[in-house]
C-alpha atoms as a PDB file:
ATOM      1  CA  MET A   1     -45.729  33.640-215.701  1.00  0.00           C
ATOM      2  CA  THR A   2     -45.915  32.360-219.238  1.00  0.00           C
ATOM      3  CA  GLY A   3     -48.341  29.544-219.935  1.00  0.00           C
ATOM      4  CA  LEU A   4     -50.752  30.528-217.161  1.00  0.00           C
ATOM      5  CA  LYS A   5     -54.119  31.903-218.120  1.00  0.00           C
ATOM      6  CA  ARG A   6     -54.865  35.063-216.191  1.00  0.00           C
ATOM      7  CA  PRO A   7     -58.376  36.055-215.054  1.00  0.00           C
ATOM      8  CA  PRO A   8     -60.445  38.273-217.372  1.00  0.00           C
ATOM      9  CA  CYS A   9     -59.839  41.997-216.927  1.00  0.00           C
ATOM     10  CA  SER A  10     -63.326  42.568-215.488  1.00  0.00           C
ATOM     11  CA  ASP A  11     -62.746  39.888-212.841  1.00  0.00           C
ATOM     12  CA  GLN A  12     -59.435  41.505-211.924  1.00  0.00           C
ATOM     13  CA  SER A  13     -61.140  44.891-211.702  1.00  0.00           C
ATOM     14  CA  LEU A  14     -63.814  43.528-209.383  1.00  0.00           C
ATOM     15  CA  ALA A  15     -61.173  41.911-207.175  1.00  0.00           C
ATOM     16  CA  ARG A  16     -59.308  45.236-206.924  1.00  0.00           C
ATOM     17  CA  ASN A  17     -62.591  47.112-206.417  1.00  0.00           C
ATOM     18  CA  ASP A  18     -61.567  49.663-209.067  1.00  0.00           C
ATOM     19  CA  PRO A  19     -63.652  52.846-208.733  1.00  0.00           C
ATOM     20  CA  MET A  20     -65.905  53.436-211.740  1.00  0.00           C
ATOM     21  CA  TYR A  21     -66.798  57.073-211.100  1.00  0.00           C
ATOM     22  CA  GLY A  22     -65.100  59.622-213.310  1.00  0.00           C
ATOM     23  CA  THR A  23     -64.442  57.097-216.091  1.00  0.00           C
ATOM     24  CA  GLY A  24     -67.359  57.773-218.467  1.00  0.00           C
ATOM     25  CA  SER A  25     -66.285  57.580-222.114  1.00  0.00           C
ATOM     26  CA  ALA A  26     -65.801  61.039-223.630  1.00  0.00           C
ATOM     27  CA  GLY A  27     -68.332  62.132-226.239  1.00  0.00           C
ATOM     28  CA  HIS A  28     -70.492  65.199-226.854  1.00  0.00           C
ATOM     29  CA  ALA A  29     -72.030  63.644-229.966  1.00  0.00           C
ATOM     30  CA  TRP A  30     -72.566  60.041-231.050  1.00  0.00           C
ATOM     31  CA  ALA A  31     -73.134  58.349-234.409  1.00  0.00           C
ATOM     32  CA  MET A  32     -74.561  54.837-234.123  1.00  0.00           C
ATOM     33  CA  PHE A  33     -74.770  52.786-237.321  1.00  0.00           C
ATOM     34  CA  GLU A  34     -76.406  49.373-237.597  1.00  0.00           C
ATOM     35  CA  ILE A  35     -73.978  46.729-238.849  1.00  0.00           C
ATOM     36  CA  PRO A  36     -75.754  43.383-238.439  1.00  0.00           C
ATOM     37  CA  GLY A  37     -73.877  40.124-238.005  1.00  0.00           C
ATOM     38  CA  ALA A  38     -70.472  39.256-236.587  1.00  0.00           C
ATOM     39  CA  TRP A  39     -67.872  41.992-235.992  1.00  0.00           C
ATOM     40  CA  GLY A  40     -64.113  41.729-236.192  1.00  0.00           C
ATOM     41  CA  HIS A  41     -61.713  43.536-233.877  1.00  0.00           C
ATOM     42  CA  SER A  42     -62.975  46.757-235.472  1.00  0.00           C
ATOM     43  CA  ALA A  43     -66.648  46.594-236.392  1.00  0.00           C
ATOM     44  CA  PHE A  44     -66.061  49.034-239.255  1.00  0.00           C
ATOM     45  CA  LEU A  45     -62.738  47.718-240.590  1.00  0.00           C
ATOM     46  CA  ASN A  46     -62.733  43.982-239.872  1.00  0.00           C
ATOM     47  CA  SER A  47     -66.257  42.821-240.700  1.00  0.00           C
ATOM     48  CA  GLU A  48     -65.921  42.393-244.441  1.00  0.00           C
ATOM     49  CA  THR A  49     -68.631  39.753-244.762  1.00  0.00           C
ATOM     50  CA  ILE A  50     -71.029  42.555-243.787  1.00  0.00           C
ATOM     51  CA  ILE A  51     -69.322  45.773-244.859  1.00  0.00           C
ATOM     52  CA  ASP A  52     -66.009  46.189-246.673  1.00  0.00           C
ATOM     53  CA  ALA A  53     -63.151  47.935-244.916  1.00  0.00           C
ATOM     54  CA  LYS A  54     -62.935  50.845-247.370  1.00  0.00           C
ATOM     55  CA  LEU A  55     -66.581  51.735-246.869  1.00  0.00           C
ATOM     56  CA  GLY A  56     -66.376  51.185-243.109  1.00  0.00           C
ATOM     57  CA  ARG A  57     -63.373  53.491-242.865  1.00  0.00           C
ATOM     58  CA  ALA A  58     -65.141  56.187-244.879  1.00  0.00           C
ATOM     59  CA  ILE A  59     -68.269  56.006-242.708  1.00  0.00           C
ATOM     60  CA  ALA A  60     -66.284  56.214-239.472  1.00  0.00           C
ATOM     61  CA  ARG A  61     -63.918  58.967-240.628  1.00  0.00           C
ATOM     62  CA  ARG A  62     -66.765  61.156-241.878  1.00  0.00           C
ATOM     63  CA  ALA A  63     -68.494  61.116-238.502  1.00  0.00           C
ATOM     64  CA  GLU A  64     -65.223  61.476-236.578  1.00  0.00           C
ATOM     65  CA  ALA A  65     -64.310  64.522-238.665  1.00  0.00           C
ATOM     66  CA  ALA A  66     -67.545  66.080-237.434  1.00  0.00           C
ATOM     67  CA  GLY A  67     -66.444  65.504-233.818  1.00  0.00           C
ATOM     68  CA  MET A  68     -68.658  62.486-233.218  1.00  0.00           C
ATOM     69  CA  ARG A  69     -67.970  59.189-231.458  1.00  0.00           C
ATOM     70  CA  VAL A  70     -68.744  56.377-233.898  1.00  0.00           C
ATOM     71  CA  THR A  71     -70.165  53.037-232.787  1.00  0.00           C
ATOM     72  CA  ALA A  72     -71.675  50.034-234.537  1.00  0.00           C
ATOM     73  CA  ILE A  73     -74.962  48.635-233.258  1.00  0.00           C
ATOM     74  CA  ARG A  74     -76.943  45.471-233.889  1.00  0.00           C
ATOM     75  CA  ARG A  75     -80.026  43.827-232.489  1.00  0.00           C
ATOM     76  CA  PRO A  76     -79.379  41.160-229.823  1.00  0.00           C
ATOM     77  CA  GLY A  77     -80.380  37.575-230.359  1.00  0.00           C
ATOM     78  CA  ARG A  78     -80.803  35.654-233.586  1.00  0.00           C
ATOM     79  CA  ARG A  79     -79.735  37.526-236.706  1.00  0.00           C
ATOM     80  CA  SER A  80     -82.350  38.383-239.320  1.00  0.00           C
ATOM     81  CA  LEU A  81     -81.896  36.922-242.799  1.00  0.00           C
ATOM     82  CA  GLN A  82     -82.767  40.325-244.241  1.00  0.00           C
ATOM     83  CA  PRO A  83     -80.274  42.953-242.987  1.00  0.00           C
ATOM     84  CA  ARG A  84     -81.463  46.407-242.011  1.00  0.00           C
ATOM     85  CA  TRP A  85     -79.405  49.579-241.884  1.00  0.00           C
ATOM     86  CA  ARG A  86     -80.708  51.840-239.128  1.00  0.00           C
ATOM     87  CA  TRP A  87     -78.880  54.791-237.626  1.00  0.00           C
ATOM     88  CA  PHE A  88     -79.033  57.123-234.631  1.00  0.00           C
ATOM     89  CA  LEU A  89     -77.336  60.493-234.166  1.00  0.00           C
ATOM     90  CA  ALA A  90     -77.203  61.953-230.654  1.00  0.00           C
ATOM     91  CA  ARG A  91     -76.143  65.202-229.022  1.00  0.00           C
ATOM     92  CA  SER A  92     -75.473  64.768-225.314  1.00  0.00           C
ATOM     93  CA  ASP A  93     -74.674  68.233-223.957  1.00  0.00           C
ATOM     94  CA  GLU A  94     -76.813  69.094-220.960  1.00  0.00           C
ATOM     95  CA  GLY A  95     -79.793  71.197-221.946  1.00  0.00           C
ATOM     96  CA  ALA A  96     -79.292  70.466-225.653  1.00  0.00           C
ATOM     97  CA  GLU A  97     -79.878  66.711-225.726  1.00  0.00           C
ATOM     98  CA  ALA A  98     -81.216  65.359-228.995  1.00  0.00           C
ATOM     99  CA  LEU A  99     -81.596  61.955-230.614  1.00  0.00           C
ATOM    100  CA  HIS A 100     -82.511  61.468-234.273  1.00  0.00           C
ATOM    101  CA  CYS A 101     -82.999  58.188-236.071  1.00  0.00           C
ATOM    102  CA  GLY A 102     -83.594  56.843-239.527  1.00  0.00           C
ATOM    103  CA  GLU A 103     -82.995  53.951-241.901  1.00  0.00           C
ATOM    104  CA  VAL A 104     -81.313  53.567-245.269  1.00  0.00           C
ATOM    105  CA  SER A 105     -81.530  50.785-247.845  1.00  0.00           C
ATOM    106  CA  ASN A 106     -77.808  49.913-247.876  1.00  0.00           C
ATOM    107  CA  PRO A 107     -74.662  50.828-245.899  1.00  0.00           C
ATOM    108  CA  GLU A 108     -73.300  53.027-248.703  1.00  0.00           C
ATOM    109  CA  GLU A 109     -76.101  55.472-247.915  1.00  0.00           C
ATOM    110  CA  TYR A 110     -74.625  56.053-244.447  1.00  0.00           C
ATOM    111  CA  LEU A 111     -72.202  58.374-246.259  1.00  0.00           C
ATOM    112  CA  ASP A 112     -75.056  60.637-247.370  1.00  0.00           C
ATOM    113  CA  ILE A 113     -76.842  61.130-244.044  1.00  0.00           C
ATOM    114  CA  ALA A 114     -76.846  64.707-242.738  1.00  0.00           C
ATOM    115  CA  LEU A 115     -74.910  64.468-239.478  1.00  0.00           C
ATOM    116  CA  ASP A 116     -77.196  66.972-237.760  1.00  0.00           C
ATOM    117  CA  GLY A 117     -79.924  64.334-237.876  1.00  0.00           C
ATOM    118  CA  SER A 118     -82.168  66.327-240.194  1.00  0.00           C
ATOM    119  CA  ASP A 119     -82.510  63.405-242.623  1.00  0.00           C
ATOM    120  CA  GLY A 120     -84.204  61.383-239.922  1.00  0.00           C
ATOM    121  CA  ARG A 121     -86.791  62.037-237.271  1.00  0.00           C
ATOM    122  CA  PRO A 122     -86.535  62.945-233.592  1.00  0.00           C
ATOM    123  CA  SER A 123     -86.651  59.819-231.461  1.00  0.00           C
ATOM    124  CA  THR A 124     -89.266  59.804-228.724  1.00  0.00           C
ATOM    125  CA  ALA A 125     -87.492  56.929-226.952  1.00  0.00           C
ATOM    126  CA  PRO A 126     -83.905  56.583-225.724  1.00  0.00           C
ATOM    127  CA  LEU A 127     -81.283  54.281-227.196  1.00  0.00           C
ATOM    128  CA  VAL A 128     -79.805  51.747-224.780  1.00  0.00           C
ATOM    129  CA  ALA A 129     -76.534  50.290-226.074  1.00  0.00           C
ATOM    130  CA  VAL A 130     -74.568  47.572-224.255  1.00  0.00           C
ATOM    131  CA  CYS A 131     -71.078  46.692-225.444  1.00  0.00           C
ATOM    132  CA  ALA A 132     -71.019  43.097-226.666  1.00  0.00           C
ATOM    133  CA  HIS A 133     -67.938  43.397-228.875  1.00  0.00           C
ATOM    134  CA  GLY A 134     -66.368  40.034-228.160  1.00  0.00           C
ATOM    135  CA  LYS A 135     -63.600  40.312-230.784  1.00  0.00           C
ATOM    136  CA  HIS A 136     -62.385  43.429-228.963  1.00  0.00           C
ATOM    137  CA  ASP A 137     -62.527  41.992-225.447  1.00  0.00           C
ATOM    138  CA  GLN A 138     -63.792  38.670-224.109  1.00  0.00           C
ATOM    139  CA  CYS A 139     -65.423  40.338-221.098  1.00  0.00           C
ATOM    140  CA  CYS A 140     -67.711  42.290-223.410  1.00  0.00           C
ATOM    141  CA  ALA A 141     -68.730  39.051-225.128  1.00  0.00           C
ATOM    142  CA  VAL A 142     -69.586  37.206-221.934  1.00  0.00           C
ATOM    143  CA  ARG A 143     -70.897  39.939-219.673  1.00  0.00           C
ATOM    144  CA  GLY A 144     -72.211  42.259-222.370  1.00  0.00           C
ATOM    145  CA  ARG A 145     -74.360  39.749-224.197  1.00  0.00           C
ATOM    146  CA  ALA A 146     -75.900  38.480-220.966  1.00  0.00           C
ATOM    147  CA  ALA A 147     -76.719  42.030-219.861  1.00  0.00           C
ATOM    148  CA  THR A 148     -78.171  42.944-223.263  1.00  0.00           C
ATOM    149  CA  ALA A 149     -80.433  39.892-223.272  1.00  0.00           C
ATOM    150  CA  ALA A 150     -81.746  40.700-219.790  1.00  0.00           C
ATOM    151  CA  ILE A 151     -82.499  44.320-220.679  1.00  0.00           C
ATOM    152  CA  ALA A 152     -83.979  43.461-224.081  1.00  0.00           C
ATOM    153  CA  ALA A 153     -86.389  41.031-222.408  1.00  0.00           C
ATOM    154  CA  GLU A 154     -88.122  44.078-220.899  1.00  0.00           C
ATOM    155  CA  TYR A 155     -87.215  46.789-223.408  1.00  0.00           C
ATOM    156  CA  PRO A 156     -86.799  45.074-226.789  1.00  0.00           C
ATOM    157  CA  GLU A 157     -87.447  48.121-228.949  1.00  0.00           C
ATOM    158  CA  ILE A 158     -84.762  50.371-227.480  1.00  0.00           C
ATOM    159  CA  THR A 159     -82.016  47.864-226.611  1.00  0.00           C
ATOM    160  CA  TRP A 160     -79.009  47.222-228.856  1.00  0.00           C
ATOM    161  CA  GLU A 161     -75.658  45.508-228.708  1.00  0.00           C
ATOM    162  CA  CYS A 162     -72.848  47.914-229.591  1.00  0.00           C
ATOM    163  CA  SER A 163     -69.176  47.861-230.451  1.00  0.00           C
ATOM    164  CA  HIS A 164     -66.361  49.055-228.205  1.00  0.00           C
ATOM    165  CA  LEU A 165     -67.336  51.782-225.715  1.00  0.00           C
ATOM    166  CA  GLY A 166     -64.162  51.809-223.615  1.00  0.00           C
ATOM    167  CA  GLY A 167     -63.695  50.707-220.023  1.00  0.00           C
ATOM    168  CA  ASP A 168     -63.541  46.978-220.799  1.00  0.00           C
ATOM    169  CA  ARG A 169     -62.544  46.225-217.192  1.00  0.00           C
ATOM    170  CA  PHE A 170     -65.967  47.546-216.152  1.00  0.00           C
ATOM    171  CA  ALA A 171     -67.894  45.148-218.417  1.00  0.00           C
ATOM    172  CA  ALA A 172     -70.728  44.980-218.969  1.00  0.00           C
ATOM    173  CA  THR A 173     -70.704  48.624-220.039  1.00  0.00           C
ATOM    174  CA  MET A 174     -73.835  50.461-221.141  1.00  0.00           C
ATOM    175  CA  LEU A 175     -74.582  53.801-222.793  1.00  0.00           C
ATOM    176  CA  ILE A 176     -77.970  55.523-222.666  1.00  0.00           C
ATOM    177  CA  LEU A 177     -78.562  58.214-225.279  1.00  0.00           C
ATOM    178  CA  PRO A 178     -79.214  61.047-225.761  1.00  0.00           C
ATOM    179  CA  GLU A 179     -77.961  62.034-222.288  1.00  0.00           C
ATOM    180  CA  GLY A 180     -74.807  59.961-222.651  1.00  0.00           C
ATOM    181  CA  LEU A 181     -75.109  58.159-219.318  1.00  0.00           C
ATOM    182  CA  CYS A 182     -72.271  55.656-219.157  1.00  0.00           C
ATOM    183  CA  TYR A 183     -72.745  52.690-216.804  1.00  0.00           C
ATOM    184  CA  GLY A 184     -70.482  49.810-215.779  1.00  0.00           C
ATOM    185  CA  ARG A 185     -70.934  46.322-214.339  1.00  0.00           C
ATOM    186  CA  VAL A 186     -74.577  46.323-215.402  1.00  0.00           C
ATOM    187  CA  ASP A 187     -74.584  42.520-215.512  1.00  0.00           C
ATOM    188  CA  SER A 188     -74.116  42.487-211.747  1.00  0.00           C
ATOM    189  CA  THR A 189     -77.324  44.400-211.094  1.00  0.00           C
ATOM    190  CA  ASP A 190     -80.836  44.722-212.528  1.00  0.00           C
ATOM    191  CA  GLY A 191     -79.932  46.208-215.916  1.00  0.00           C
ATOM    192  CA  ALA A 192     -83.563  46.693-216.867  1.00  0.00           C
ATOM    193  CA  GLY A 193     -83.987  48.473-213.537  1.00  0.00           C
ATOM    194  CA  LEU A 194     -81.364  51.022-214.585  1.00  0.00           C
ATOM    195  CA  VAL A 195     -83.452  51.709-217.690  1.00  0.00           C
ATOM    196  CA  ARG A 196     -86.606  52.024-215.593  1.00  0.00           C
ATOM    197  CA  MET A 197     -84.856  54.598-213.413  1.00  0.00           C
ATOM    198  CA  TYR A 198     -83.717  56.482-216.505  1.00  0.00           C
ATOM    199  CA  LEU A 199     -87.271  56.645-217.850  1.00  0.00           C
ATOM    200  CA  ASP A 200     -88.245  58.135-214.485  1.00  0.00           C
ATOM    201  CA  GLY A 201     -85.526  60.792-214.783  1.00  0.00           C
ATOM    202  CA  ARG A 202     -83.225  59.140-212.242  1.00  0.00           C
ATOM    203  CA  LEU A 203     -79.912  57.286-212.184  1.00  0.00           C
ATOM    204  CA  ASP A 204     -78.117  54.733-210.023  1.00  0.00           C
ATOM    205  CA  ASN A 205     -74.961  56.372-208.708  1.00  0.00           C
ATOM    206  CA  ARG A 206     -73.401  53.036-207.751  1.00  0.00           C
ATOM    207  CA  PHE A 207     -73.042  51.907-211.358  1.00  0.00           C
ATOM    208  CA  LEU A 208     -72.740  55.242-213.153  1.00  0.00           C
ATOM    209  CA  ARG A 209     -69.303  55.849-214.628  1.00  0.00           C
ATOM    210  CA  GLY A 210     -70.272  59.364-215.661  1.00  0.00           C
ATOM    211  CA  ARG A 211     -72.013  61.454-218.256  1.00  0.00           C
ATOM    212  CA  THR A 212     -69.989  61.386-221.462  1.00  0.00           C
ATOM    213  CA  SER A 213     -70.290  65.095-222.265  1.00  0.00           C
ATOM    214  CA  LEU A 214     -68.747  66.123-218.940  1.00  0.00           C
ATOM    215  CA  PRO A 215     -65.042  66.284-217.985  1.00  0.00           C
ATOM    216  CA  HIS A 216     -63.929  63.357-215.861  1.00  0.00           C
ATOM    217  CA  ALA A 217     -63.334  65.583-212.829  1.00  0.00           C
ATOM    218  CA  VAL A 218     -66.941  66.800-213.036  1.00  0.00           C
ATOM    219  CA  GLN A 219     -68.175  63.213-213.331  1.00  0.00           C
ATOM    220  CA  ALA A 220     -66.263  62.368-210.156  1.00  0.00           C
ATOM    221  CA  ALA A 221     -67.472  65.465-208.313  1.00  0.00           C
ATOM    222  CA  GLN A 222     -71.084  64.625-209.104  1.00  0.00           C
ATOM    223  CA  TYR A 223     -70.531  61.085-207.851  1.00  0.00           C
ATOM    224  CA  PHE A 224     -69.257  62.258-204.461  1.00  0.00           C
ATOM    225  CA  VAL A 225     -72.125  64.714-203.947  1.00  0.00           C
ATOM    226  CA  ARG A 226     -74.687  62.103-204.962  1.00  0.00           C
ATOM    227  CA  ALA A 227     -73.105  59.547-202.651  1.00  0.00           C
ATOM    228  CA  ALA A 228     -73.275  62.014-199.755  1.00  0.00           C
ATOM    229  CA  SER A 229     -76.769  63.348-200.450  1.00  0.00           C
ATOM    230  CA  GLY A 230     -78.679  60.560-202.178  1.00  0.00           C
ATOM    231  CA  GLU A 231     -79.434  62.879-205.101  1.00  0.00           C
ATOM    232  CA  ASP A 232     -80.437  60.707-208.063  1.00  0.00           C
ATOM    233  CA  ARG A 233     -82.038  63.101-210.558  1.00  0.00           C
ATOM    234  CA  ILE A 234     -80.319  62.969-213.929  1.00  0.00           C
ATOM    235  CA  ASP A 235     -80.578  66.733-214.438  1.00  0.00           C
ATOM    236  CA  ALA A 236     -79.266  67.677-210.982  1.00  0.00           C
ATOM    237  CA  LEU A 237     -75.811  69.042-210.085  1.00  0.00           C
ATOM    238  CA  SER A 238     -75.011  70.820-213.337  1.00  0.00           C
ATOM    239  CA  PRO A 239     -71.380  72.031-213.527  1.00  0.00           C
ATOM    240  CA  LEU A 240     -70.838  75.762-213.054  1.00  0.00           C
ATOM    241  CA  ASP A 241     -67.044  76.004-213.008  1.00  0.00           C
ATOM    242  CA  VAL A 242     -63.869  73.911-212.909  1.00  0.00           C
ATOM    243  CA  GLN A 243     -60.552  75.275-211.650  1.00  0.00           C
ATOM    244  CA  ARG A 244     -57.174  73.676-211.083  1.00  0.00           C
ATOM    245  CA  ALA A 245     -55.210  75.197-208.217  1.00  0.00           C
ATOM    246  CA  GLU A 246     -51.867  73.747-207.102  1.00  0.00           C
ATOM    247  CA  HIS A 247     -52.481  69.994-206.822  1.00  0.00           C
ATOM    248  CA  GLN A 248     -56.235  70.213-206.415  1.00  0.00           C
ATOM    249  CA  ILE A 249     -59.266  70.467-208.689  1.00  0.00           C
ATOM    250  CA  ARG A 250     -62.193  72.578-207.559  1.00  0.00           C
ATOM    251  CA  VAL A 251     -65.524  71.771-209.206  1.00  0.00           C
ATOM    252  CA  LEU A 252     -68.532  74.007-208.631  1.00  0.00           C
ATOM    253  CA  LEU A 253     -71.905  72.295-209.069  1.00  0.00           C
ATOM    254  CA  ALA A 254     -75.401  73.749-209.027  1.00  0.00           C
ATOM    255  CA  GLY A 255     -77.301  72.612-205.931  1.00  0.00           C
ATOM    256  CA  ASP A 256     -80.932  73.194-204.979  1.00  0.00           C
ATOM    257  CA  SER A 257     -79.871  75.545-202.182  1.00  0.00           C
ATOM    258  CA  GLY A 258     -76.942  77.143-203.968  1.00  0.00           C
ATOM    259  CA  PRO A 259     -73.580  76.184-205.461  1.00  0.00           C
ATOM    260  CA  VAL A 260     -71.719  73.185-204.068  1.00  0.00           C
ATOM    261  CA  GLU A 261     -67.917  73.179-204.208  1.00  0.00           C
ATOM    262  CA  VAL A 262     -66.178  69.827-204.515  1.00  0.00           C
ATOM    263  CA  VAL A 263     -62.423  69.659-203.980  1.00  0.00           C
ATOM    264  CA  LEU A 264     -60.623  66.710-205.572  1.00  0.00           C
ATOM    265  CA  VAL A 265     -57.104  65.460-206.031  1.00  0.00           C
ATOM    266  CA  GLU A 266     -56.057  63.543-209.097  1.00  0.00           C
ATOM    267  CA  GLU A 267     -54.122  60.340-208.441  1.00  0.00           C
ATOM    268  CA  MET A 268     -52.683  57.495-210.489  1.00  0.00           C
ATOM    269  CA  SER A 269     -53.434  53.876-209.732  1.00  0.00           C
ATOM    270  CA  GLU A 270     -50.990  51.050-209.333  1.00  0.00           C
ATOM    271  CA  PRO A 271     -50.101  49.489-212.713  1.00  0.00           C
ATOM    272  CA  LEU A 272     -52.945  47.302-213.998  1.00  0.00           C
ATOM    273  CA  LEU A 273     -54.110  45.534-217.139  1.00  0.00           C
ATOM    274  CA  SER A 274     -57.159  47.469-218.305  1.00  0.00           C
ATOM    275  CA  MET A 275     -58.089  45.089-221.145  1.00  0.00           C
ATOM    276  CA  CYS A 276     -57.966  41.323-221.510  1.00  0.00           C
ATOM    277  CA  HIS A 277     -55.511  41.530-224.415  1.00  0.00           C
ATOM    278  CA  ALA A 278     -53.279  44.127-222.762  1.00  0.00           C
ATOM    279  CA  SER A 279     -49.728  42.914-222.275  1.00  0.00           C
ATOM    280  CA  VAL A 280     -48.135  45.849-220.440  1.00  0.00           C
ATOM    281  CA  PRO A 281     -49.597  47.107-217.140  1.00  0.00           C
ATOM    282  CA  GLY A 282     -50.325  50.823-217.019  1.00  0.00           C
ATOM    283  CA  ARG A 283     -51.509  53.345-214.471  1.00  0.00           C
ATOM    284  CA  VAL A 284     -54.948  54.895-214.785  1.00  0.00           C
ATOM    285  CA  ARG A 285     -56.241  58.190-213.432  1.00  0.00           C
ATOM    286  CA  THR A 286     -58.467  58.240-210.372  1.00  0.00           C
ATOM    287  CA  PHE A 287     -59.975  61.014-208.267  1.00  0.00           C
ATOM    288  CA  ALA A 288     -60.034  61.259-204.470  1.00  0.00           C
ATOM    289  CA  LEU A 289     -62.354  63.509-202.493  1.00  0.00           C
ATOM    290  CA  VAL A 290     -60.811  66.221-200.314  1.00  0.00           C
ATOM    291  CA  ASP A 291     -63.896  68.190-199.293  1.00  0.00           C
ATOM    292  CA  ILE A 292     -67.470  69.131-200.165  1.00  0.00           C
ATOM    293  CA  ASN A 293     -68.618  72.598-199.163  1.00  0.00           C
ATOM    294  CA  PRO A 294     -71.276  72.999-197.953  1.00  0.00           C
ATOM    295  CA  GLN A 295     -71.869  69.433-196.850  1.00  0.00           C
ATOM    296  CA  PRO A 296     -75.122  68.284-198.467  1.00  0.00           C
ATOM    297  CA  GLU A 297     -77.989  67.031-196.352  1.00  0.00           C
ATOM    298  CA  ARG A 298     -78.974  63.446-196.944  1.00  0.00           C
ATOM    299  CA  LYS A 299     -82.257  63.162-198.853  1.00  0.00           C
ATOM    300  CA  GLN A 300     -84.941  61.172-197.069  1.00  0.00           C
END
């Protein structure tokens, strides 16, 4: 009804208990550029007090033309009076993960960076980016900034706020590079604990939306096997094959004792509002488990 304020999209998602698995944002490669200060609806196009729209568009289009996902980053907390212009370039494909970083003296120099990362140096630490893009969605402002602050209290050097990642209804959303682990609802758990697990080579299946370099069906298949077995190693359950047959999807994953076949069906949800500013409900894709063969043994 008009005139009534509806709950934020993340609150609605929690009330519906929307499944997060199989929803990791797509991206084999990521370009993260520091844009300090306040962001508009688009961090690259609507933040002219920091960077003019023409330059922002050129920076984003150059990276996108190279097949990269482009995101703005900034340090959480009080803004520095002296802006810095740091960048990270990541490749997230399994077995070929890489993260390079560097710094330039002004944002115009972002246009000159070699997009293979060779102008920077390999990063020995991950990049943890939490969406806090409030002008894009209010849930990211409220939940994202709280989650970033909590994580940065323990890991200040690797934690950043970032612009829109997708999946606003799962705020606070988090991306860990170079592996491209995409998490949701990190404000409802120990966000720093998720980072601790990552540094130990493990993940928390309950909050993982998926690995961004993998097809959504593979993300879902890995979720179901992990839920059944307790497997939490990041590098476990690599995809071997994906086949669509009739109305089913068969995903073959590498298991310790041999291949594991996961049979899924693709479904569409009831119409929902996936963002706070959405005005027309839409259906979203979900995956349901049909079978796992062989059934994995539960890890002790």
